[in-house]
Amino acid sequence: MSCAMIAVPITAATAEQAIADIKLANEKADAIELRLDFLEEVNETILQELIEQCKKPVIVTYRSQNYGVGAEQTERLFLLQKASEFGASYIDVEFNPDADNGFLSELSKGNARIILSYHNFNGTPALPELLRILSTMLSLPCDAVKIVTFANSEQDNHTVLTLIPAVRKQGKQIVAFCMGPKGRKSRIESIKLGALLSFASLEKGKESAAGQLTIDEMRKELEEKNNQKN
């Protein structure tokens, strides 16, 4: 099997439920993503407790969506800095092509590695546009880049997946796949191409994005593909 990690996102609304899900994810996942924006309430104390419950590498993400809509950027960045202090392996930071990304220099001083993320929830830009975005991201202080778009066609999967070997040739790490029903297979193909990680939900109903397989489904599909090769 590929050495890429399968990360399970924790999408619970309460710290109590999050801890219960983390305990299950510890048994199944290669890594655990704490989605702080899904929590109704989050602070330093809750964050530290959640990280301490994780027995696998931790990715901490705080999107400006879900419950994170009401949080100021300074609050989100503060908790990401704290996540680094509390032992997170990665912090996932949103890339905004139209904004000042200077805060990355400060975040990069921490112990956690930075995943710089670009998302397009409506579609997949043409390859030249994605390469332009990618080039800008790679010029910023980060340890890995993440490009996730919505697949409206099979071609969209191919477009995004071509970014993986392009970045790996530069000696960088990348996460790249498509969301949506038509993007499901890209989540598995990205692992085969050497992406840093892919995401799978703990179970149905606990997805963090459209088109996400459960971790049991992903493990099964990867095993079947490996058997076909042998």
C-alpha atoms as a PDB file:
ATOM      1  CA  MET A   1       0.000   0.000   0.000  1.00  0.00           C
ATOM      2  CA  SER A   2       1.106   3.587  -0.604  1.00  0.00           C
ATOM      3  CA  CYS A   3       2.819   5.394   2.253  1.00  0.00           C
ATOM      4  CA  ALA A   4       0.336   8.255   1.888  1.00  0.00           C
ATOM      5  CA  MET A   5      -1.767   8.841   4.970  1.00  0.00           C
ATOM      6  CA  ILE A   6      -5.525   8.523   5.169  1.00  0.00           C
ATOM      7  CA  ALA A   7      -6.735  11.263   7.479  1.00  0.00           C
ATOM      8  CA  VAL A   8     -10.108  11.115   9.207  1.00  0.00           C
ATOM      9  CA  PRO A   9     -11.692  14.526   9.812  1.00  0.00           C
ATOM     10  CA  ILE A  10     -13.449  15.046  13.141  1.00  0.00           C
ATOM     11  CA  THR A  11     -16.644  16.954  12.361  1.00  0.00           C
ATOM     12  CA  ALA A  12     -18.450  16.749  15.706  1.00  0.00           C
ATOM     13  CA  ALA A  13     -20.270  19.824  17.016  1.00  0.00           C
ATOM     14  CA  THR A  14     -19.289  19.304  20.663  1.00  0.00           C
ATOM     15  CA  ALA A  15     -16.010  18.493  22.382  1.00  0.00           C
ATOM     16  CA  GLU A  16     -17.605  15.459  24.055  1.00  0.00           C
ATOM     17  CA  GLN A  17     -18.664  13.945  20.723  1.00  0.00           C
ATOM     18  CA  ALA A  18     -15.339  14.903  19.173  1.00  0.00           C
ATOM     19  CA  ILE A  19     -13.478  12.933  21.829  1.00  0.00           C
ATOM     20  CA  ALA A  20     -15.696   9.907  21.209  1.00  0.00           C
ATOM     21  CA  ASP A  21     -14.983  10.134  17.461  1.00  0.00           C
ATOM     22  CA  ILE A  22     -11.246  10.608  18.050  1.00  0.00           C
ATOM     23  CA  LYS A  23     -11.140   7.367  20.051  1.00  0.00           C
ATOM     24  CA  LEU A  24     -12.661   5.512  17.081  1.00  0.00           C
ATOM     25  CA  ALA A  25     -10.420   7.300  14.590  1.00  0.00           C
ATOM     26  CA  ASN A  26      -7.348   6.310  16.601  1.00  0.00           C
ATOM     27  CA  GLU A  27      -8.135   2.702  15.664  1.00  0.00           C
ATOM     28  CA  LYS A  28      -8.678   3.294  11.937  1.00  0.00           C
ATOM     29  CA  ALA A  29      -6.898   6.383  10.686  1.00  0.00           C
ATOM     30  CA  ASP A  30      -3.289   7.116   9.760  1.00  0.00           C
ATOM     31  CA  ALA A  31      -3.848  10.737  10.792  1.00  0.00           C
ATOM     32  CA  ILE A  32      -6.642  12.752  12.402  1.00  0.00           C
ATOM     33  CA  GLU A  33      -7.854  16.149  11.231  1.00  0.00           C
ATOM     34  CA  LEU A  34      -9.478  18.322  13.883  1.00  0.00           C
ATOM     35  CA  ARG A  35     -11.982  20.564  12.090  1.00  0.00           C
ATOM     36  CA  LEU A  36     -12.367  23.357  14.617  1.00  0.00           C
ATOM     37  CA  ASP A  37     -14.917  25.144  12.436  1.00  0.00           C
ATOM     38  CA  PHE A  38     -17.398  22.301  13.015  1.00  0.00           C
ATOM     39  CA  LEU A  39     -17.337  22.861  16.780  1.00  0.00           C
ATOM     40  CA  GLU A  40     -20.046  25.035  18.300  1.00  0.00           C
ATOM     41  CA  GLU A  41     -17.528  26.195  20.890  1.00  0.00           C
ATOM     42  CA  VAL A  42     -13.737  26.067  20.780  1.00  0.00           C
ATOM     43  CA  ASN A  43     -10.995  27.619  22.878  1.00  0.00           C
ATOM     44  CA  GLU A  44      -7.425  26.845  23.997  1.00  0.00           C
ATOM     45  CA  THR A  45      -8.502  24.398  26.685  1.00  0.00           C
ATOM     46  CA  ILE A  46     -10.776  22.404  24.367  1.00  0.00           C
ATOM     47  CA  LEU A  47      -8.162  22.393  21.618  1.00  0.00           C
ATOM     48  CA  GLN A  48      -5.428  21.081  23.906  1.00  0.00           C
ATOM     49  CA  GLU A  49      -7.700  18.335  25.238  1.00  0.00           C
ATOM     50  CA  LEU A  50      -8.647  17.203  21.732  1.00  0.00           C
ATOM     51  CA  ILE A  51      -5.033  17.085  20.572  1.00  0.00           C
ATOM     52  CA  GLU A  52      -4.018  15.110  23.660  1.00  0.00           C
ATOM     53  CA  GLN A  53      -6.727  12.525  22.882  1.00  0.00           C
ATOM     54  CA  CYS A  54      -5.232  11.841  19.430  1.00  0.00           C
ATOM     55  CA  LYS A  55      -2.841   8.897  19.182  1.00  0.00           C
ATOM     56  CA  LYS A  56      -2.070   9.551  15.509  1.00  0.00           C
ATOM     57  CA  PRO A  57      -0.503  12.566  13.755  1.00  0.00           C
ATOM     58  CA  VAL A  58      -2.838  15.541  14.090  1.00  0.00           C
ATOM     59  CA  ILE A  59      -3.836  18.087  11.465  1.00  0.00           C
ATOM     60  CA  VAL A  60      -5.605  21.138  12.888  1.00  0.00           C
ATOM     61  CA  THR A  61      -7.846  23.092  10.527  1.00  0.00           C
ATOM     62  CA  TYR A  62     -10.007  26.140  11.243  1.00  0.00           C
ATOM     63  CA  ARG A  63     -11.924  27.166   8.131  1.00  0.00           C
ATOM     64  CA  SER A  64     -13.902  30.389   7.706  1.00  0.00           C
ATOM     65  CA  GLN A  65     -17.052  28.324   7.197  1.00  0.00           C
ATOM     66  CA  ASN A  66     -19.538  26.351   9.312  1.00  0.00           C
ATOM     67  CA  TYR A  67     -19.225  27.749  12.880  1.00  0.00           C
ATOM     68  CA  GLY A  68     -15.959  29.370  11.803  1.00  0.00           C
ATOM     69  CA  VAL A  69     -17.871  31.989   9.807  1.00  0.00           C
ATOM     70  CA  GLY A  70     -18.298  34.106  12.907  1.00  0.00           C
ATOM     71  CA  ALA A  71     -14.651  33.872  13.969  1.00  0.00           C
ATOM     72  CA  GLU A  72     -12.215  36.635  13.100  1.00  0.00           C
ATOM     73  CA  GLN A  73      -9.087  35.643  11.186  1.00  0.00           C
ATOM     74  CA  THR A  74      -6.963  36.676  14.172  1.00  0.00           C
ATOM     75  CA  GLU A  75      -8.878  34.212  16.373  1.00  0.00           C
ATOM     76  CA  ARG A  76      -8.455  31.386  13.883  1.00  0.00           C
ATOM     77  CA  LEU A  77      -4.735  32.072  13.488  1.00  0.00           C
ATOM     78  CA  PHE A  78      -4.277  32.307  17.261  1.00  0.00           C
ATOM     79  CA  LEU A  79      -5.730  28.827  17.759  1.00  0.00           C
ATOM     80  CA  LEU A  80      -3.617  27.448  14.906  1.00  0.00           C
ATOM     81  CA  GLN A  81      -0.526  28.832  16.653  1.00  0.00           C
ATOM     82  CA  LYS A  82      -1.685  27.197  19.881  1.00  0.00           C
ATOM     83  CA  ALA A  83      -2.215  23.922  18.017  1.00  0.00           C
ATOM     84  CA  SER A  84       1.444  24.002  17.047  1.00  0.00           C
ATOM     85  CA  GLU A  85       2.416  24.578  20.678  1.00  0.00           C
ATOM     86  CA  PHE A  86       0.160  21.737  21.838  1.00  0.00           C
ATOM     87  CA  GLY A  87       1.822  19.188  19.554  1.00  0.00           C
ATOM     88  CA  ALA A  88      -0.106  19.178  16.280  1.00  0.00           C
ATOM     89  CA  SER A  89       1.902  17.667  13.431  1.00  0.00           C
ATOM     90  CA  TYR A  90       0.299  19.927  10.820  1.00  0.00           C
ATOM     91  CA  ILE A  91      -1.750  23.093  10.729  1.00  0.00           C
ATOM     92  CA  ASP A  92      -3.867  23.681   7.634  1.00  0.00           C
ATOM     93  CA  VAL A  93      -4.046  27.335   6.596  1.00  0.00           C
ATOM     94  CA  GLU A  94      -6.333  28.822   3.964  1.00  0.00           C
ATOM     95  CA  PHE A  95      -4.605  30.493   1.012  1.00  0.00           C
ATOM     96  CA  ASN A  96      -6.262  33.652  -0.253  1.00  0.00           C
ATOM     97  CA  PRO A  97      -4.862  34.746  -3.640  1.00  0.00           C
ATOM     98  CA  ASP A  98      -6.330  38.222  -3.171  1.00  0.00           C
ATOM     99  CA  ALA A  99      -5.083  38.865   0.374  1.00  0.00           C
ATOM    100  CA  ASP A 100      -1.861  39.416   2.261  1.00  0.00           C
ATOM    101  CA  ASN A 101      -0.502  36.026   3.333  1.00  0.00           C
ATOM    102  CA  GLY A 102       2.238  37.543   5.487  1.00  0.00           C
ATOM    103  CA  PHE A 103       0.961  35.761   8.603  1.00  0.00           C
ATOM    104  CA  LEU A 104       2.508  32.557   7.239  1.00  0.00           C
ATOM    105  CA  SER A 105       5.976  33.718   8.227  1.00  0.00           C
ATOM    106  CA  GLU A 106       4.897  33.883  11.868  1.00  0.00           C
ATOM    107  CA  LEU A 107       3.110  30.538  11.758  1.00  0.00           C
ATOM    108  CA  SER A 108       6.136  28.894  10.145  1.00  0.00           C
ATOM    109  CA  LYS A 109       8.183  29.619  13.287  1.00  0.00           C
ATOM    110  CA  GLY A 110       6.165  26.995  15.176  1.00  0.00           C
ATOM    111  CA  ASN A 111       6.839  23.269  15.432  1.00  0.00           C
ATOM    112  CA  ALA A 112       3.913  22.141  13.277  1.00  0.00           C
ATOM    113  CA  ARG A 113       4.321  21.821   9.527  1.00  0.00           C
ATOM    114  CA  ILE A 114       2.135  24.107   7.443  1.00  0.00           C
ATOM    115  CA  ILE A 115      -0.276  22.860   4.791  1.00  0.00           C
ATOM    116  CA  LEU A 116      -1.301  25.817   2.627  1.00  0.00           C
ATOM    117  CA  SER A 117      -4.757  25.118   1.161  1.00  0.00           C
ATOM    118  CA  TYR A 118      -6.655  26.375  -1.861  1.00  0.00           C
ATOM    119  CA  HIS A 119     -10.282  25.314  -2.387  1.00  0.00           C
ATOM    120  CA  ASN A 120     -12.754  25.952  -5.169  1.00  0.00           C
ATOM    121  CA  PHE A 121     -16.205  24.714  -4.185  1.00  0.00           C
ATOM    122  CA  ASN A 122     -17.863  25.536  -7.522  1.00  0.00           C
ATOM    123  CA  GLY A 123     -15.652  23.937 -10.124  1.00  0.00           C
ATOM    124  CA  THR A 124     -12.147  23.281 -11.386  1.00  0.00           C
ATOM    125  CA  PRO A 125     -10.169  26.121 -12.992  1.00  0.00           C
ATOM    126  CA  ALA A 126      -8.258  25.400 -16.180  1.00  0.00           C
ATOM    127  CA  LEU A 127      -4.801  23.902 -15.720  1.00  0.00           C
ATOM    128  CA  PRO A 128      -2.899  27.135 -16.538  1.00  0.00           C
ATOM    129  CA  GLU A 129      -4.836  28.956 -13.805  1.00  0.00           C
ATOM    130  CA  LEU A 130      -4.209  26.161 -11.289  1.00  0.00           C
ATOM    131  CA  LEU A 131      -0.500  26.218 -12.134  1.00  0.00           C
ATOM    132  CA  ARG A 132      -0.442  29.987 -11.573  1.00  0.00           C
ATOM    133  CA  ILE A 133      -2.104  29.563  -8.163  1.00  0.00           C
ATOM    134  CA  LEU A 134       0.228  26.692  -7.337  1.00  0.00           C
ATOM    135  CA  SER A 135       3.305  28.721  -8.241  1.00  0.00           C
ATOM    136  CA  THR A 136       2.241  31.521  -5.879  1.00  0.00           C
ATOM    137  CA  MET A 137       1.541  29.042  -3.071  1.00  0.00           C
ATOM    138  CA  LEU A 138       4.920  27.372  -3.455  1.00  0.00           C
ATOM    139  CA  SER A 139       6.636  30.757  -3.141  1.00  0.00           C
ATOM    140  CA  LEU A 140       5.193  31.203   0.366  1.00  0.00           C
ATOM    141  CA  PRO A 141       6.434  29.692   3.657  1.00  0.00           C
ATOM    142  CA  CYS A 142       4.777  26.257   3.815  1.00  0.00           C
ATOM    143  CA  ASP A 143       5.720  22.590   4.005  1.00  0.00           C
ATOM    144  CA  ALA A 144       2.975  21.250   1.728  1.00  0.00           C
ATOM    145  CA  VAL A 145       0.338  22.640  -0.585  1.00  0.00           C
ATOM    146  CA  LYS A 146      -3.230  21.447  -0.901  1.00  0.00           C
ATOM    147  CA  ILE A 147      -5.398  22.081  -3.953  1.00  0.00           C
ATOM    148  CA  VAL A 148      -8.964  20.806  -3.854  1.00  0.00           C
ATOM    149  CA  THR A 149     -11.602  21.704  -6.431  1.00  0.00           C
ATOM    150  CA  PHE A 150     -15.123  20.552  -7.274  1.00  0.00           C
ATOM    151  CA  ALA A 151     -15.379  18.054 -10.135  1.00  0.00           C
ATOM    152  CA  ASN A 152     -18.084  18.791 -12.681  1.00  0.00           C
ATOM    153  CA  SER A 153     -16.582  16.317 -15.168  1.00  0.00           C
ATOM    154  CA  GLU A 154     -14.182  13.382 -15.358  1.00  0.00           C
ATOM    155  CA  GLN A 155     -11.629  15.693 -16.979  1.00  0.00           C
ATOM    156  CA  ASP A 156     -11.554  17.812 -13.829  1.00  0.00           C
ATOM    157  CA  ASN A 157     -10.089  14.856 -11.925  1.00  0.00           C
ATOM    158  CA  HIS A 158      -7.295  14.501 -14.473  1.00  0.00           C
ATOM    159  CA  THR A 159      -6.562  18.234 -14.369  1.00  0.00           C
ATOM    160  CA  VAL A 160      -6.090  18.291 -10.605  1.00  0.00           C
ATOM    161  CA  LEU A 161      -4.219  14.995 -10.373  1.00  0.00           C
ATOM    162  CA  THR A 162      -1.590  16.198 -12.877  1.00  0.00           C
ATOM    163  CA  LEU A 163      -0.470  18.657 -10.206  1.00  0.00           C
ATOM    164  CA  ILE A 164       0.821  15.858  -7.963  1.00  0.00           C
ATOM    165  CA  PRO A 165       3.763  14.653 -10.077  1.00  0.00           C
ATOM    166  CA  ALA A 166       4.527  18.252 -11.068  1.00  0.00           C
ATOM    167  CA  VAL A 167       4.974  19.279  -7.428  1.00  0.00           C
ATOM    168  CA  ARG A 168       6.738  16.100  -6.367  1.00  0.00           C
ATOM    169  CA  LYS A 169       9.365  16.684  -9.082  1.00  0.00           C
ATOM    170  CA  GLN A 170      10.187  19.900  -7.238  1.00  0.00           C
ATOM    171  CA  GLY A 171      10.757  17.946  -4.026  1.00  0.00           C
ATOM    172  CA  LYS A 172       7.612  19.347  -2.407  1.00  0.00           C
ATOM    173  CA  GLN A 173       4.636  17.622  -0.782  1.00  0.00           C
ATOM    174  CA  ILE A 174       1.111  18.055  -2.094  1.00  0.00           C
ATOM    175  CA  VAL A 175      -2.476  17.068  -1.403  1.00  0.00           C
ATOM    176  CA  ALA A 176      -4.661  17.281  -4.515  1.00  0.00           C
ATOM    177  CA  PHE A 177      -8.037  15.781  -5.415  1.00  0.00           C
ATOM    178  CA  CYS A 178     -11.579  16.750  -6.385  1.00  0.00           C
ATOM    179  CA  MET A 179     -14.717  17.057  -4.292  1.00  0.00           C
ATOM    180  CA  GLY A 180     -18.197  15.996  -5.338  1.00  0.00           C
ATOM    181  CA  PRO A 181     -19.667  12.700  -6.600  1.00  0.00           C
ATOM    182  CA  LYS A 182     -17.606  12.871  -9.798  1.00  0.00           C
ATOM    183  CA  GLY A 183     -14.450  13.449  -7.794  1.00  0.00           C
ATOM    184  CA  ARG A 184     -14.622  10.359  -5.598  1.00  0.00           C
ATOM    185  CA  LYS A 185     -12.108   8.348  -7.590  1.00  0.00           C
ATOM    186  CA  SER A 186      -9.564  11.188  -7.483  1.00  0.00           C
ATOM    187  CA  ARG A 187      -9.370  10.784  -3.712  1.00  0.00           C
ATOM    188  CA  ILE A 188      -8.031   7.262  -4.229  1.00  0.00           C
ATOM    189  CA  GLU A 189      -5.951   8.004  -7.329  1.00  0.00           C
ATOM    190  CA  SER A 190      -4.174  10.817  -5.494  1.00  0.00           C
ATOM    191  CA  ILE A 191      -2.799   8.300  -2.996  1.00  0.00           C
ATOM    192  CA  LYS A 192      -1.442   6.121  -5.797  1.00  0.00           C
ATOM    193  CA  LEU A 193       0.270   9.160  -7.320  1.00  0.00           C
ATOM    194  CA  GLY A 194       2.108   9.952  -4.107  1.00  0.00           C
ATOM    195  CA  ALA A 195       0.045  12.664  -2.458  1.00  0.00           C
ATOM    196  CA  LEU A 196       0.905  13.400   1.171  1.00  0.00           C
ATOM    197  CA  LEU A 197      -2.550  12.321   2.299  1.00  0.00           C
ATOM    198  CA  SER A 198      -6.202  11.946   1.428  1.00  0.00           C
ATOM    199  CA  PHE A 199      -9.306  12.237   3.570  1.00  0.00           C
ATOM    200  CA  ALA A 200     -12.002   9.728   4.482  1.00  0.00           C
ATOM    201  CA  SER A 201     -14.870  10.095   6.927  1.00  0.00           C
ATOM    202  CA  LEU A 202     -15.167   8.023  10.071  1.00  0.00           C
ATOM    203  CA  GLU A 203     -18.583   6.847   8.885  1.00  0.00           C
ATOM    204  CA  LYS A 204     -21.423   7.974   6.629  1.00  0.00           C
ATOM    205  CA  GLY A 205     -22.921  11.241   7.799  1.00  0.00           C
ATOM    206  CA  LYS A 206     -19.631  12.506   9.226  1.00  0.00           C
ATOM    207  CA  GLU A 207     -18.088  13.763   5.988  1.00  0.00           C
ATOM    208  CA  SER A 208     -16.262  17.093   5.954  1.00  0.00           C
ATOM    209  CA  ALA A 209     -16.796  17.557   2.190  1.00  0.00           C
ATOM    210  CA  ALA A 210     -18.930  16.280  -0.677  1.00  0.00           C
ATOM    211  CA  GLY A 211     -17.839  13.005  -2.239  1.00  0.00           C
ATOM    212  CA  GLN A 212     -15.848  11.797   0.755  1.00  0.00           C
ATOM    213  CA  LEU A 213     -15.702   8.024   1.151  1.00  0.00           C
ATOM    214  CA  THR A 214     -15.714   6.400   4.565  1.00  0.00           C
ATOM    215  CA  ILE A 215     -12.347   5.124   5.707  1.00  0.00           C
ATOM    216  CA  ASP A 216     -13.619   1.540   5.453  1.00  0.00           C
ATOM    217  CA  GLU A 217     -14.661   2.153   1.839  1.00  0.00           C
ATOM    218  CA  MET A 218     -11.329   3.747   0.981  1.00  0.00           C
ATOM    219  CA  ARG A 219      -9.304   0.959   2.579  1.00  0.00           C
ATOM    220  CA  LYS A 220     -11.366  -1.604   0.658  1.00  0.00           C
ATOM    221  CA  GLU A 221     -10.933   0.161  -2.684  1.00  0.00           C
ATOM    222  CA  LEU A 222      -7.194   0.577  -2.172  1.00  0.00           C
ATOM    223  CA  GLU A 223      -6.880  -3.107  -1.277  1.00  0.00           C
ATOM    224  CA  GLU A 224      -8.826  -4.126  -4.392  1.00  0.00           C
ATOM    225  CA  LYS A 225      -6.640  -1.951  -6.612  1.00  0.00           C
ATOM    226  CA  ASN A 226      -3.492  -3.407  -5.058  1.00  0.00           C
ATOM    227  CA  ASN A 227      -4.800  -6.933  -5.640  1.00  0.00           C
ATOM    228  CA  GLN A 228      -5.514  -6.123  -9.281  1.00  0.00           C
ATOM    229  CA  LYS A 229      -1.874  -5.113  -9.733  1.00  0.00           C
ATOM    230  CA  ASN A 230      -0.571  -8.356  -8.148  1.00  0.00           C
END
